[in-house]
Amino acid sequence: MVDQFALDIADGGAGRQRGGRGLVRDYRITAEQAGFTGTYGRFKYLPWGMQGGQAGSRNYFSVLYADGREPLTAGKGARIVLKKDDVVRLVTGTGGGYGDPRERPRDLIEHDLENGYITAEQARQDYGY
């Protein structure tokens, strides 16, 4: 069952042209038992920024265990045993930015804020807004 399908608003990707946002998808296990195998690139090495743009954020998956165990977060895993109500979170990272973030036009920063692409804190920290 899909619990969440949203933009990944992680830090990273600021630039005159900002990197594209990744996605967060949460899948809740509804069967008594299931297995998960996944591999993500760009877990260890972040997408690079160019011409002064910030690096993007990492790709990863997390397993949020229903029994309260510490979540597992990794870039790759094989044959992970899941039980009913465990959640697998798949996160694709933000791409790297291009150009100096302080040169991003104010109207684009406002557009990003209005549409939930960045937080108010990111606007202050990354763009001086």
N, C-alpha and C. Protein backbone atom coordinates (compact mmCIF):
# COMPACT_ATOMS: atom_id res chain seq x y z
N MET A 1 0.85 -1.16 0.00
CA MET A 1 0.00 0.00 0.00
C MET A 1 0.90 1.23 0.00
N VAL A 2 0.58 2.22 -0.81
CA VAL A 2 1.36 3.45 -0.87
C VAL A 2 0.89 4.38 0.25
N ASP A 3 1.82 4.69 1.17
CA ASP A 3 1.53 5.62 2.26
C ASP A 3 1.90 7.05 1.91
N GLN A 4 2.92 7.22 1.05
CA GLN A 4 3.40 8.56 0.73
C GLN A 4 3.99 8.57 -0.68
N PHE A 5 3.71 9.65 -1.39
CA PHE A 5 4.32 9.92 -2.69
C PHE A 5 4.51 11.43 -2.71
N ALA A 6 5.74 11.91 -2.48
CA ALA A 6 5.96 13.34 -2.29
C ALA A 6 7.32 13.75 -2.85
N LEU A 7 7.54 15.06 -2.92
CA LEU A 7 8.84 15.58 -3.30
C LEU A 7 9.83 15.39 -2.16
N ASP A 8 11.10 15.16 -2.49
CA ASP A 8 12.17 15.08 -1.51
C ASP A 8 12.70 16.50 -1.32
N ILE A 9 12.47 17.09 -0.15
CA ILE A 9 12.85 18.47 0.12
C ILE A 9 14.14 18.50 0.95
N ALA A 10 15.04 17.56 0.70
CA ALA A 10 16.32 17.51 1.41
C ALA A 10 17.18 18.70 1.00
N ASP A 11 18.12 19.07 1.87
CA ASP A 11 19.08 20.10 1.51
C ASP A 11 19.88 19.64 0.30
N GLY A 12 20.30 20.60 -0.50
CA GLY A 12 21.13 20.29 -1.66
C GLY A 12 20.51 20.79 -2.94
N GLY A 13 21.36 21.00 -3.93
CA GLY A 13 20.90 21.37 -5.26
C GLY A 13 20.67 22.84 -5.49
N ALA A 14 21.06 23.69 -4.51
CA ALA A 14 20.86 25.13 -4.70
C ALA A 14 21.78 25.64 -5.81
N GLY A 15 21.26 26.59 -6.57
CA GLY A 15 22.05 27.21 -7.63
C GLY A 15 21.22 28.27 -8.32
N ARG A 16 21.87 29.03 -9.21
CA ARG A 16 21.08 29.98 -10.03
C ARG A 16 19.98 29.19 -10.73
N GLN A 17 20.32 28.01 -11.22
CA GLN A 17 19.33 27.05 -11.70
C GLN A 17 19.40 25.88 -10.72
N ARG A 18 18.36 25.63 -9.97
CA ARG A 18 18.44 24.61 -8.93
C ARG A 18 18.24 23.21 -9.53
N GLY A 19 18.84 22.24 -8.86
CA GLY A 19 18.69 20.85 -9.28
C GLY A 19 17.26 20.38 -9.09
N GLY A 20 16.81 19.47 -9.94
CA GLY A 20 15.45 18.95 -9.83
C GLY A 20 15.25 18.16 -8.55
N ARG A 21 14.07 18.22 -8.01
CA ARG A 21 13.73 17.51 -6.78
C ARG A 21 13.53 16.04 -7.04
N GLY A 22 13.96 15.23 -6.09
CA GLY A 22 13.70 13.80 -6.14
C GLY A 22 12.35 13.51 -5.50
N LEU A 23 12.08 12.23 -5.32
CA LEU A 23 10.80 11.79 -4.75
C LEU A 23 11.00 10.94 -3.50
N VAL A 24 9.98 10.94 -2.65
CA VAL A 24 9.91 10.06 -1.49
C VAL A 24 8.67 9.20 -1.68
N ARG A 25 8.87 7.88 -1.67
CA ARG A 25 7.74 6.96 -1.80
C ARG A 25 7.80 5.96 -0.65
N ASP A 26 6.70 5.86 0.09
CA ASP A 26 6.59 4.91 1.20
C ASP A 26 5.61 3.81 0.81
N TYR A 27 6.09 2.57 0.94
CA TYR A 27 5.25 1.41 0.65
C TYR A 27 5.09 0.59 1.92
N ARG A 28 3.85 0.44 2.38
CA ARG A 28 3.55 -0.35 3.58
C ARG A 28 3.26 -1.79 3.16
N ILE A 29 3.87 -2.72 3.87
CA ILE A 29 3.66 -4.14 3.59
C ILE A 29 2.32 -4.55 4.17
N THR A 30 1.46 -5.14 3.34
CA THR A 30 0.14 -5.58 3.81
C THR A 30 0.06 -7.10 3.94
N ALA A 31 1.03 -7.82 3.37
CA ALA A 31 1.08 -9.28 3.52
C ALA A 31 1.74 -9.62 4.85
N GLU A 32 1.64 -10.86 5.26
CA GLU A 32 2.28 -11.29 6.52
C GLU A 32 3.80 -11.22 6.41
N GLN A 33 4.34 -11.46 5.22
CA GLN A 33 5.79 -11.40 5.01
C GLN A 33 6.07 -11.04 3.56
N ALA A 34 7.16 -10.31 3.35
CA ALA A 34 7.59 -9.93 2.00
C ALA A 34 9.11 -9.77 2.01
N GLY A 35 9.68 -9.66 0.83
CA GLY A 35 11.11 -9.44 0.72
C GLY A 35 11.39 -8.20 -0.11
N PHE A 36 12.54 -7.58 0.15
CA PHE A 36 12.93 -6.38 -0.59
C PHE A 36 14.40 -6.48 -0.98
N THR A 37 14.69 -6.16 -2.23
CA THR A 37 16.05 -6.03 -2.73
C THR A 37 16.11 -4.74 -3.52
N GLY A 38 17.11 -3.91 -3.25
CA GLY A 38 17.22 -2.64 -3.97
C GLY A 38 18.64 -2.14 -4.00
N THR A 39 18.97 -1.41 -5.04
CA THR A 39 20.29 -0.79 -5.18
C THR A 39 20.12 0.60 -5.77
N TYR A 40 20.75 1.58 -5.13
CA TYR A 40 20.74 2.95 -5.62
C TYR A 40 22.16 3.40 -5.90
N GLY A 41 22.38 4.03 -7.04
CA GLY A 41 23.61 4.76 -7.27
C GLY A 41 23.49 6.11 -6.58
N ARG A 42 24.57 6.83 -6.51
CA ARG A 42 24.62 8.16 -5.89
C ARG A 42 24.20 8.14 -4.42
N PHE A 43 24.47 7.02 -3.74
CA PHE A 43 24.28 6.97 -2.29
C PHE A 43 25.52 7.49 -1.60
N LYS A 44 26.67 7.06 -2.08
CA LYS A 44 27.94 7.45 -1.48
C LYS A 44 28.46 8.77 -2.06
N TYR A 45 28.35 8.93 -3.37
CA TYR A 45 28.85 10.12 -4.05
C TYR A 45 27.67 10.93 -4.55
N LEU A 46 27.51 12.12 -4.00
CA LEU A 46 26.36 12.97 -4.33
C LEU A 46 26.44 13.50 -5.75
N PRO A 47 25.28 13.80 -6.36
CA PRO A 47 25.29 14.45 -7.66
C PRO A 47 26.00 15.81 -7.54
N TRP A 48 26.91 16.08 -8.43
CA TRP A 48 27.73 17.28 -8.30
C TRP A 48 26.99 18.52 -8.80
N GLY A 49 27.36 19.67 -8.20
CA GLY A 49 26.91 20.96 -8.70
C GLY A 49 27.94 21.47 -9.70
N MET A 50 27.54 22.46 -10.47
CA MET A 50 28.47 23.02 -11.48
C MET A 50 28.48 24.54 -11.39
N GLN A 51 29.63 25.13 -11.72
CA GLN A 51 29.78 26.59 -11.78
C GLN A 51 29.30 27.27 -10.50
N GLY A 52 29.61 26.67 -9.34
CA GLY A 52 29.24 27.26 -8.05
C GLY A 52 27.95 26.73 -7.46
N GLY A 53 27.24 25.88 -8.17
CA GLY A 53 26.01 25.29 -7.63
C GLY A 53 26.33 24.23 -6.58
N GLN A 54 25.41 24.02 -5.65
CA GLN A 54 25.60 23.03 -4.59
C GLN A 54 25.40 21.61 -5.12
N ALA A 55 26.08 20.67 -4.47
CA ALA A 55 25.84 19.25 -4.75
C ALA A 55 24.39 18.93 -4.41
N GLY A 56 23.86 17.90 -5.04
CA GLY A 56 22.51 17.44 -4.74
C GLY A 56 22.50 16.58 -3.49
N SER A 57 21.43 15.85 -3.28
CA SER A 57 21.30 14.96 -2.12
C SER A 57 21.34 13.50 -2.58
N ARG A 58 21.54 12.62 -1.64
CA ARG A 58 21.75 11.20 -1.97
C ARG A 58 20.44 10.45 -2.25
N ASN A 59 20.58 9.37 -3.01
CA ASN A 59 19.52 8.38 -3.20
C ASN A 59 19.69 7.33 -2.11
N TYR A 60 18.60 6.83 -1.57
CA TYR A 60 18.70 5.77 -0.56
C TYR A 60 17.33 5.13 -0.34
N PHE A 61 17.36 4.04 0.42
CA PHE A 61 16.10 3.48 0.90
C PHE A 61 16.20 3.30 2.40
N SER A 62 15.07 3.32 3.06
CA SER A 62 14.99 3.04 4.49
C SER A 62 13.91 2.00 4.72
N VAL A 63 14.13 1.16 5.71
CA VAL A 63 13.08 0.25 6.17
C VAL A 63 12.67 0.73 7.55
N LEU A 64 11.40 1.08 7.69
CA LEU A 64 10.85 1.54 8.96
C LEU A 64 10.07 0.37 9.54
N TYR A 65 10.66 -0.26 10.54
CA TYR A 65 10.08 -1.49 11.10
C TYR A 65 8.90 -1.18 12.02
N ALA A 66 7.82 -1.90 11.84
CA ALA A 66 6.61 -1.71 12.64
C ALA A 66 6.84 -2.06 14.11
N ASP A 67 7.80 -2.95 14.40
CA ASP A 67 8.03 -3.36 15.79
C ASP A 67 8.91 -2.38 16.56
N GLY A 68 9.29 -1.25 15.94
CA GLY A 68 10.05 -0.23 16.64
C GLY A 68 11.56 -0.36 16.56
N ARG A 69 12.05 -1.39 15.88
CA ARG A 69 13.50 -1.50 15.71
C ARG A 69 14.05 -0.26 15.03
N GLU A 70 15.35 -0.03 15.23
CA GLU A 70 16.05 1.07 14.57
C GLU A 70 15.89 0.93 13.05
N PRO A 71 15.50 2.01 12.37
CA PRO A 71 15.35 1.92 10.91
C PRO A 71 16.67 1.57 10.22
N LEU A 72 16.57 0.86 9.15
CA LEU A 72 17.71 0.53 8.30
C LEU A 72 17.72 1.52 7.15
N THR A 73 18.86 2.21 6.93
CA THR A 73 19.01 3.12 5.80
C THR A 73 20.26 2.73 5.04
N ALA A 74 20.13 2.59 3.72
CA ALA A 74 21.26 2.13 2.92
C ALA A 74 21.07 2.51 1.46
N GLY A 75 22.14 2.30 0.69
CA GLY A 75 22.09 2.50 -0.75
C GLY A 75 21.85 1.21 -1.49
N LYS A 76 22.09 0.08 -0.79
CA LYS A 76 21.80 -1.21 -1.41
C LYS A 76 21.54 -2.24 -0.33
N GLY A 77 20.73 -3.22 -0.70
CA GLY A 77 20.39 -4.30 0.22
C GLY A 77 19.74 -5.43 -0.56
N ALA A 78 19.91 -6.65 -0.07
CA ALA A 78 19.36 -7.81 -0.78
C ALA A 78 18.61 -8.71 0.19
N ARG A 79 17.48 -9.19 -0.27
CA ARG A 79 16.67 -10.18 0.46
C ARG A 79 16.37 -9.75 1.89
N ILE A 80 15.97 -8.50 2.05
CA ILE A 80 15.58 -7.99 3.38
C ILE A 80 14.18 -8.51 3.67
N VAL A 81 14.04 -9.20 4.78
CA VAL A 81 12.75 -9.79 5.16
C VAL A 81 11.91 -8.72 5.87
N LEU A 82 10.70 -8.55 5.35
CA LEU A 82 9.76 -7.57 5.90
C LEU A 82 8.52 -8.27 6.41
N LYS A 83 7.92 -7.66 7.41
CA LYS A 83 6.69 -8.20 7.98
C LYS A 83 5.56 -7.19 7.81
N LYS A 84 4.37 -7.64 8.10
CA LYS A 84 3.19 -6.79 7.95
C LYS A 84 3.38 -5.47 8.70
N ASP A 85 3.02 -4.38 8.05
CA ASP A 85 3.08 -3.00 8.52
C ASP A 85 4.48 -2.39 8.56
N ASP A 86 5.52 -3.13 8.15
CA ASP A 86 6.82 -2.49 7.91
C ASP A 86 6.64 -1.57 6.71
N VAL A 87 7.46 -0.53 6.64
CA VAL A 87 7.38 0.43 5.54
C VAL A 87 8.75 0.51 4.87
N VAL A 88 8.76 0.42 3.54
CA VAL A 88 9.97 0.65 2.76
C VAL A 88 9.84 2.04 2.16
N ARG A 89 10.81 2.90 2.48
CA ARG A 89 10.84 4.27 1.96
C ARG A 89 11.93 4.34 0.89
N LEU A 90 11.55 4.72 -0.32
CA LEU A 90 12.48 4.89 -1.43
C LEU A 90 12.65 6.38 -1.69
N VAL A 91 13.89 6.86 -1.64
CA VAL A 91 14.15 8.29 -1.79
C VAL A 91 15.12 8.50 -2.95
N THR A 92 14.68 9.27 -3.94
CA THR A 92 15.59 9.69 -5.00
C THR A 92 15.99 11.12 -4.68
N GLY A 93 17.28 11.40 -4.78
CA GLY A 93 17.82 12.67 -4.35
C GLY A 93 17.59 13.81 -5.33
N THR A 94 17.90 14.99 -4.83
CA THR A 94 17.86 16.21 -5.61
C THR A 94 19.11 16.29 -6.49
N GLY A 95 18.97 16.76 -7.70
CA GLY A 95 20.11 16.95 -8.59
C GLY A 95 20.96 18.14 -8.15
N GLY A 96 22.18 18.20 -8.65
CA GLY A 96 23.08 19.31 -8.34
C GLY A 96 22.62 20.61 -9.01
N GLY A 97 22.93 21.72 -8.35
CA GLY A 97 22.57 23.03 -8.89
C GLY A 97 23.61 23.54 -9.88
N TYR A 98 23.23 24.57 -10.64
CA TYR A 98 24.12 25.18 -11.62
C TYR A 98 24.19 26.67 -11.34
N GLY A 99 25.40 27.18 -11.14
CA GLY A 99 25.60 28.61 -10.92
C GLY A 99 25.45 28.99 -9.45
N ASP A 100 25.91 30.19 -9.14
CA ASP A 100 25.89 30.71 -7.77
C ASP A 100 24.45 30.86 -7.27
N PRO A 101 24.12 30.23 -6.14
CA PRO A 101 22.75 30.34 -5.61
C PRO A 101 22.33 31.78 -5.32
N ARG A 102 23.29 32.63 -4.95
CA ARG A 102 22.96 34.04 -4.62
C ARG A 102 22.53 34.82 -5.85
N GLU A 103 22.69 34.24 -7.05
CA GLU A 103 22.27 34.88 -8.29
C GLU A 103 20.89 34.41 -8.77
N ARG A 104 20.23 33.55 -7.99
CA ARG A 104 18.90 33.07 -8.39
C ARG A 104 17.92 34.24 -8.31
N PRO A 105 17.17 34.49 -9.37
CA PRO A 105 16.21 35.60 -9.35
C PRO A 105 15.18 35.44 -8.23
N ARG A 106 14.86 36.56 -7.61
CA ARG A 106 13.94 36.58 -6.47
C ARG A 106 12.58 35.96 -6.82
N ASP A 107 12.06 36.22 -8.02
CA ASP A 107 10.75 35.67 -8.39
C ASP A 107 10.79 34.14 -8.47
N LEU A 108 11.94 33.57 -8.85
CA LEU A 108 12.05 32.11 -8.89
C LEU A 108 12.14 31.52 -7.47
N ILE A 109 12.81 32.24 -6.57
CA ILE A 109 12.86 31.80 -5.17
C ILE A 109 11.44 31.82 -4.59
N GLU A 110 10.69 32.87 -4.86
CA GLU A 110 9.30 32.96 -4.38
C GLU A 110 8.45 31.84 -4.97
N HIS A 111 8.65 31.54 -6.24
CA HIS A 111 7.93 30.44 -6.89
C HIS A 111 8.27 29.12 -6.21
N ASP A 112 9.56 28.89 -5.92
CA ASP A 112 9.98 27.67 -5.23
C ASP A 112 9.32 27.54 -3.87
N LEU A 113 9.26 28.65 -3.13
CA LEU A 113 8.63 28.64 -1.81
C LEU A 113 7.13 28.35 -1.91
N GLU A 114 6.46 29.03 -2.81
CA GLU A 114 5.00 28.87 -2.98
C GLU A 114 4.63 27.44 -3.37
N ASN A 115 5.50 26.77 -4.13
CA ASN A 115 5.20 25.43 -4.62
C ASN A 115 5.81 24.31 -3.79
N GLY A 116 6.44 24.66 -2.67
CA GLY A 116 6.98 23.65 -1.77
C GLY A 116 8.26 22.99 -2.25
N TYR A 117 9.00 23.65 -3.17
CA TYR A 117 10.25 23.08 -3.65
C TYR A 117 11.40 23.33 -2.68
N ILE A 118 11.28 24.41 -1.89
CA ILE A 118 12.25 24.71 -0.85
C ILE A 118 11.50 25.18 0.39
N THR A 119 12.18 25.08 1.53
CA THR A 119 11.61 25.59 2.78
C THR A 119 12.07 27.03 2.99
N ALA A 120 11.44 27.73 3.94
CA ALA A 120 11.85 29.09 4.27
C ALA A 120 13.30 29.10 4.76
N GLU A 121 13.68 28.09 5.54
CA GLU A 121 15.06 27.99 6.02
C GLU A 121 16.03 27.79 4.86
N GLN A 122 15.69 26.98 3.89
CA GLN A 122 16.55 26.80 2.72
C GLN A 122 16.67 28.08 1.92
N ALA A 123 15.58 28.83 1.82
CA ALA A 123 15.62 30.12 1.10
C ALA A 123 16.59 31.07 1.78
N ARG A 124 16.57 31.12 3.12
CA ARG A 124 17.50 31.99 3.86
C ARG A 124 18.93 31.49 3.73
N GLN A 125 19.11 30.20 4.00
CA GLN A 125 20.46 29.62 4.04
C GLN A 125 21.13 29.60 2.67
N ASP A 126 20.41 29.15 1.66
CA ASP A 126 21.02 28.93 0.35
C ASP A 126 21.00 30.16 -0.56
N TYR A 127 19.96 30.98 -0.43
CA TYR A 127 19.77 32.09 -1.36
C TYR A 127 19.84 33.46 -0.72
N GLY A 128 19.96 33.51 0.63
CA GLY A 128 20.00 34.79 1.30
C GLY A 128 18.70 35.55 1.20
N TYR A 129 17.59 34.82 1.09
CA TYR A 129 16.25 35.42 0.88
C TYR A 129 15.60 35.73 2.20
